Amino acid sequence: MELGVDAGFFSDKLTLAYTYYSSNHNNQIVVVSLPSSSGFGNTPKNVGQITNKGLEVSLNYKPFTSPTGFRFDIGVSFAKIQTKLSKYLMKQMN
């Protein structure tokens, strides 16, 4: 899921963008080492589910635009991302 809002003020001289997202990723595959007695070096295993959540905010200002097309922009952005192993399949690792 992703939700976002973009807004412009003062003839788009000042713009604001806000985005929130959340996603689940199932069947995260990791390569696991095996005992040398098995005859194989490693094997892929399903270790579980990962959840990603985050938000992004940006603010931009265009203080100057010349008639020839030259412009000057100032911008700042912020992002916060959270990744969590929400389900761990320990039994499959043995």
N, C-alpha and C. Protein backbone atom coordinates (compact mmCIF):
# COMPACT_ATOMS: atom_id res chain seq x y z
N MET A 1 0.84 -1.16 0.00
CA MET A 1 0.00 0.00 0.00
C MET A 1 0.89 1.24 0.00
N GLU A 2 0.50 2.21 -0.79
CA GLU A 2 1.22 3.48 -0.82
C GLU A 2 0.21 4.61 -0.96
N LEU A 3 0.33 5.60 -0.09
CA LEU A 3 -0.53 6.77 -0.13
C LEU A 3 0.35 8.01 -0.24
N GLY A 4 -0.07 8.94 -1.06
CA GLY A 4 0.73 10.14 -1.22
C GLY A 4 -0.11 11.36 -1.51
N VAL A 5 0.45 12.51 -1.17
CA VAL A 5 -0.18 13.80 -1.45
C VAL A 5 0.89 14.74 -1.97
N ASP A 6 0.59 15.41 -3.07
CA ASP A 6 1.45 16.46 -3.60
C ASP A 6 0.64 17.74 -3.62
N ALA A 7 1.22 18.83 -3.13
CA ALA A 7 0.51 20.11 -3.10
C ALA A 7 1.45 21.22 -3.52
N GLY A 8 0.88 22.19 -4.23
CA GLY A 8 1.64 23.36 -4.66
C GLY A 8 0.96 24.63 -4.17
N PHE A 9 1.77 25.60 -3.75
CA PHE A 9 1.26 26.86 -3.23
C PHE A 9 1.96 28.02 -3.92
N PHE A 10 1.28 29.17 -3.97
CA PHE A 10 1.85 30.39 -4.55
C PHE A 10 2.32 30.16 -5.98
N SER A 11 1.42 29.67 -6.82
CA SER A 11 1.72 29.37 -8.24
C SER A 11 2.84 28.34 -8.35
N ASP A 12 2.82 27.35 -7.49
CA ASP A 12 3.81 26.26 -7.44
C ASP A 12 5.23 26.72 -7.13
N LYS A 13 5.38 27.88 -6.53
CA LYS A 13 6.72 28.29 -6.05
C LYS A 13 7.12 27.47 -4.85
N LEU A 14 6.13 27.03 -4.06
CA LEU A 14 6.36 26.20 -2.89
C LEU A 14 5.59 24.90 -3.08
N THR A 15 6.28 23.78 -3.05
CA THR A 15 5.62 22.49 -3.23
C THR A 15 5.95 21.56 -2.06
N LEU A 16 4.99 20.71 -1.75
CA LEU A 16 5.11 19.75 -0.66
C LEU A 16 4.68 18.39 -1.19
N ALA A 17 5.47 17.37 -0.88
CA ALA A 17 5.13 15.99 -1.26
C ALA A 17 5.25 15.12 -0.02
N TYR A 18 4.22 14.31 0.23
CA TYR A 18 4.19 13.41 1.38
C TYR A 18 3.78 12.03 0.88
N THR A 19 4.54 10.99 1.27
CA THR A 19 4.24 9.62 0.88
C THR A 19 4.41 8.70 2.08
N TYR A 20 3.43 7.81 2.28
CA TYR A 20 3.50 6.76 3.30
C TYR A 20 3.35 5.44 2.59
N TYR A 21 4.16 4.44 2.97
CA TYR A 21 4.03 3.13 2.35
C TYR A 21 4.21 2.02 3.38
N SER A 22 3.62 0.89 3.07
CA SER A 22 3.71 -0.30 3.90
C SER A 22 3.63 -1.51 2.97
N SER A 23 4.54 -2.46 3.14
CA SER A 23 4.52 -3.65 2.30
C SER A 23 5.04 -4.86 3.07
N ASN A 24 4.50 -6.01 2.71
CA ASN A 24 4.94 -7.29 3.28
C ASN A 24 5.58 -8.12 2.18
N HIS A 25 6.70 -8.73 2.49
CA HIS A 25 7.40 -9.58 1.54
C HIS A 25 7.51 -10.97 2.14
N ASN A 26 6.85 -11.92 1.52
CA ASN A 26 6.86 -13.31 1.99
C ASN A 26 7.97 -14.09 1.31
N ASN A 27 8.29 -15.25 1.89
CA ASN A 27 9.25 -16.18 1.30
C ASN A 27 10.61 -15.56 1.06
N GLN A 28 11.16 -14.96 2.11
CA GLN A 28 12.50 -14.38 2.02
C GLN A 28 13.53 -15.50 2.01
N ILE A 29 14.23 -15.62 0.94
CA ILE A 29 15.17 -16.71 0.73
C ILE A 29 16.58 -16.29 1.16
N VAL A 30 17.22 -17.13 1.97
CA VAL A 30 18.58 -16.92 2.44
C VAL A 30 19.37 -18.20 2.19
N VAL A 31 20.62 -18.05 1.80
CA VAL A 31 21.48 -19.22 1.59
C VAL A 31 22.08 -19.62 2.93
N VAL A 32 21.85 -20.89 3.33
CA VAL A 32 22.29 -21.41 4.62
C VAL A 32 23.38 -22.45 4.39
N SER A 33 24.46 -22.37 5.18
CA SER A 33 25.55 -23.36 5.09
C SER A 33 25.10 -24.69 5.66
N LEU A 34 25.53 -25.76 5.01
CA LEU A 34 25.22 -27.12 5.46
C LEU A 34 26.47 -27.78 6.02
N PRO A 35 26.30 -28.79 6.86
CA PRO A 35 27.47 -29.54 7.34
C PRO A 35 28.21 -30.17 6.16
N SER A 36 29.53 -30.22 6.24
CA SER A 36 30.32 -30.78 5.13
C SER A 36 30.01 -32.26 4.92
N SER A 37 29.51 -32.94 5.94
CA SER A 37 29.17 -34.36 5.80
C SER A 37 27.97 -34.58 4.88
N SER A 38 27.21 -33.52 4.58
CA SER A 38 26.04 -33.67 3.70
C SER A 38 26.45 -33.79 2.24
N GLY A 39 27.66 -33.37 1.92
CA GLY A 39 28.11 -33.42 0.53
C GLY A 39 27.75 -32.14 -0.24
N PHE A 40 27.06 -31.24 0.38
CA PHE A 40 26.68 -29.97 -0.24
C PHE A 40 27.21 -28.83 0.61
N GLY A 41 27.53 -27.71 -0.02
CA GLY A 41 28.07 -26.57 0.71
C GLY A 41 27.01 -25.70 1.37
N ASN A 42 25.91 -25.47 0.64
CA ASN A 42 24.83 -24.63 1.17
C ASN A 42 23.53 -24.94 0.44
N THR A 43 22.44 -24.38 0.97
CA THR A 43 21.12 -24.58 0.37
C THR A 43 20.26 -23.34 0.63
N PRO A 44 19.37 -23.00 -0.29
CA PRO A 44 18.47 -21.88 -0.03
C PRO A 44 17.34 -22.30 0.91
N LYS A 45 16.99 -21.41 1.85
CA LYS A 45 15.91 -21.68 2.81
C LYS A 45 14.98 -20.48 2.88
N ASN A 46 13.71 -20.75 3.10
CA ASN A 46 12.72 -19.71 3.33
C ASN A 46 12.79 -19.34 4.81
N VAL A 47 13.16 -18.10 5.12
CA VAL A 47 13.32 -17.72 6.52
C VAL A 47 12.16 -16.90 7.06
N GLY A 48 11.19 -16.50 6.24
CA GLY A 48 10.03 -15.82 6.80
C GLY A 48 9.51 -14.66 6.01
N GLN A 49 8.97 -13.69 6.73
CA GLN A 49 8.29 -12.55 6.16
C GLN A 49 8.91 -11.25 6.69
N ILE A 50 9.11 -10.30 5.78
CA ILE A 50 9.67 -9.00 6.13
C ILE A 50 8.61 -7.94 5.87
N THR A 51 8.46 -7.00 6.82
CA THR A 51 7.53 -5.88 6.69
C THR A 51 8.33 -4.59 6.57
N ASN A 52 8.02 -3.80 5.55
CA ASN A 52 8.64 -2.49 5.34
C ASN A 52 7.58 -1.41 5.50
N LYS A 53 7.89 -0.39 6.29
CA LYS A 53 7.01 0.76 6.45
C LYS A 53 7.87 2.01 6.39
N GLY A 54 7.31 3.07 5.88
CA GLY A 54 8.07 4.30 5.85
C GLY A 54 7.28 5.49 5.39
N LEU A 55 7.90 6.64 5.56
CA LEU A 55 7.31 7.87 5.06
C LEU A 55 8.40 8.74 4.49
N GLU A 56 8.01 9.52 3.51
CA GLU A 56 8.92 10.45 2.85
C GLU A 56 8.22 11.79 2.73
N VAL A 57 8.93 12.86 3.07
CA VAL A 57 8.39 14.21 2.98
C VAL A 57 9.43 15.08 2.28
N SER A 58 8.99 15.88 1.33
CA SER A 58 9.91 16.82 0.68
C SER A 58 9.22 18.17 0.53
N LEU A 59 10.01 19.21 0.68
CA LEU A 59 9.56 20.58 0.56
C LEU A 59 10.51 21.29 -0.38
N ASN A 60 9.97 21.91 -1.41
CA ASN A 60 10.79 22.59 -2.42
C ASN A 60 10.31 24.02 -2.61
N TYR A 61 11.26 24.92 -2.86
CA TYR A 61 10.95 26.32 -3.07
C TYR A 61 11.70 26.81 -4.30
N LYS A 62 10.98 27.51 -5.18
CA LYS A 62 11.56 28.09 -6.39
C LYS A 62 11.52 29.61 -6.27
N PRO A 63 12.55 30.22 -5.69
CA PRO A 63 12.51 31.66 -5.46
C PRO A 63 12.73 32.51 -6.70
N PHE A 64 13.33 31.90 -7.75
CA PHE A 64 13.72 32.72 -8.89
C PHE A 64 13.57 31.93 -10.19
N THR A 65 12.89 32.53 -11.16
CA THR A 65 12.82 31.99 -12.52
C THR A 65 12.97 33.17 -13.48
N SER A 66 13.98 33.10 -14.35
CA SER A 66 14.22 34.21 -15.28
C SER A 66 13.37 34.02 -16.54
N PRO A 67 13.19 35.07 -17.31
CA PRO A 67 12.44 34.95 -18.57
C PRO A 67 13.12 34.03 -19.58
N THR A 68 14.43 33.80 -19.43
CA THR A 68 15.15 32.92 -20.36
C THR A 68 15.06 31.45 -19.94
N GLY A 69 14.44 31.17 -18.79
CA GLY A 69 14.27 29.79 -18.36
C GLY A 69 15.19 29.36 -17.24
N PHE A 70 16.14 30.20 -16.87
CA PHE A 70 17.02 29.86 -15.75
C PHE A 70 16.22 29.93 -14.46
N ARG A 71 16.39 28.92 -13.59
CA ARG A 71 15.70 28.98 -12.31
C ARG A 71 16.60 28.45 -11.21
N PHE A 72 16.24 28.82 -10.01
CA PHE A 72 16.99 28.46 -8.83
C PHE A 72 16.02 27.76 -7.89
N ASP A 73 16.34 26.53 -7.46
CA ASP A 73 15.47 25.75 -6.58
C ASP A 73 16.17 25.42 -5.28
N ILE A 74 15.41 25.40 -4.20
CA ILE A 74 15.90 24.98 -2.89
C ILE A 74 14.98 23.87 -2.40
N GLY A 75 15.56 22.79 -1.93
CA GLY A 75 14.72 21.69 -1.48
C GLY A 75 15.29 20.98 -0.27
N VAL A 76 14.39 20.39 0.52
CA VAL A 76 14.79 19.60 1.66
C VAL A 76 13.87 18.38 1.69
N SER A 77 14.43 17.24 2.12
CA SER A 77 13.62 16.03 2.18
C SER A 77 13.96 15.24 3.44
N PHE A 78 13.00 14.43 3.86
CA PHE A 78 13.13 13.61 5.05
C PHE A 78 12.52 12.25 4.72
N ALA A 79 13.19 11.19 5.18
CA ALA A 79 12.66 9.83 4.99
C ALA A 79 12.91 9.02 6.25
N LYS A 80 11.92 8.24 6.62
CA LYS A 80 12.05 7.31 7.74
C LYS A 80 11.57 5.95 7.25
N ILE A 81 12.43 4.96 7.40
CA ILE A 81 12.14 3.61 6.91
C ILE A 81 12.30 2.63 8.06
N GLN A 82 11.33 1.73 8.20
CA GLN A 82 11.39 0.69 9.23
C GLN A 82 11.24 -0.67 8.54
N THR A 83 12.23 -1.51 8.73
CA THR A 83 12.19 -2.88 8.19
C THR A 83 12.20 -3.83 9.37
N LYS A 84 11.26 -4.77 9.35
CA LYS A 84 11.11 -5.68 10.48
C LYS A 84 10.91 -7.11 9.97
N LEU A 85 11.61 -8.05 10.60
CA LEU A 85 11.38 -9.46 10.32
C LEU A 85 10.15 -9.85 11.12
N SER A 86 8.98 -9.88 10.47
CA SER A 86 7.72 -10.06 11.18
C SER A 86 7.35 -11.52 11.41
N LYS A 87 7.95 -12.42 10.66
CA LYS A 87 7.66 -13.84 10.85
C LYS A 87 8.95 -14.61 10.54
N TYR A 88 9.39 -15.41 11.48
CA TYR A 88 10.65 -16.14 11.33
C TYR A 88 10.37 -17.63 11.42
N LEU A 89 10.71 -18.36 10.40
CA LEU A 89 10.43 -19.79 10.33
C LEU A 89 11.64 -20.58 10.82
N MET A 90 11.82 -20.64 12.12
CA MET A 90 12.99 -21.28 12.72
C MET A 90 13.04 -22.78 12.44
N LYS A 91 11.90 -23.46 12.37
CA LYS A 91 11.88 -24.91 12.17
C LYS A 91 12.51 -25.30 10.84
N GLN A 92 12.35 -24.45 9.83
CA GLN A 92 12.93 -24.77 8.52
C GLN A 92 14.44 -24.62 8.52
N MET A 93 15.00 -23.91 9.48
CA MET A 93 16.44 -23.68 9.50
C MET A 93 17.20 -24.89 10.05
N ASN A 94 16.56 -25.80 10.74
CA ASN A 94 17.22 -26.97 11.33
C ASN A 94 17.32 -28.10 10.34
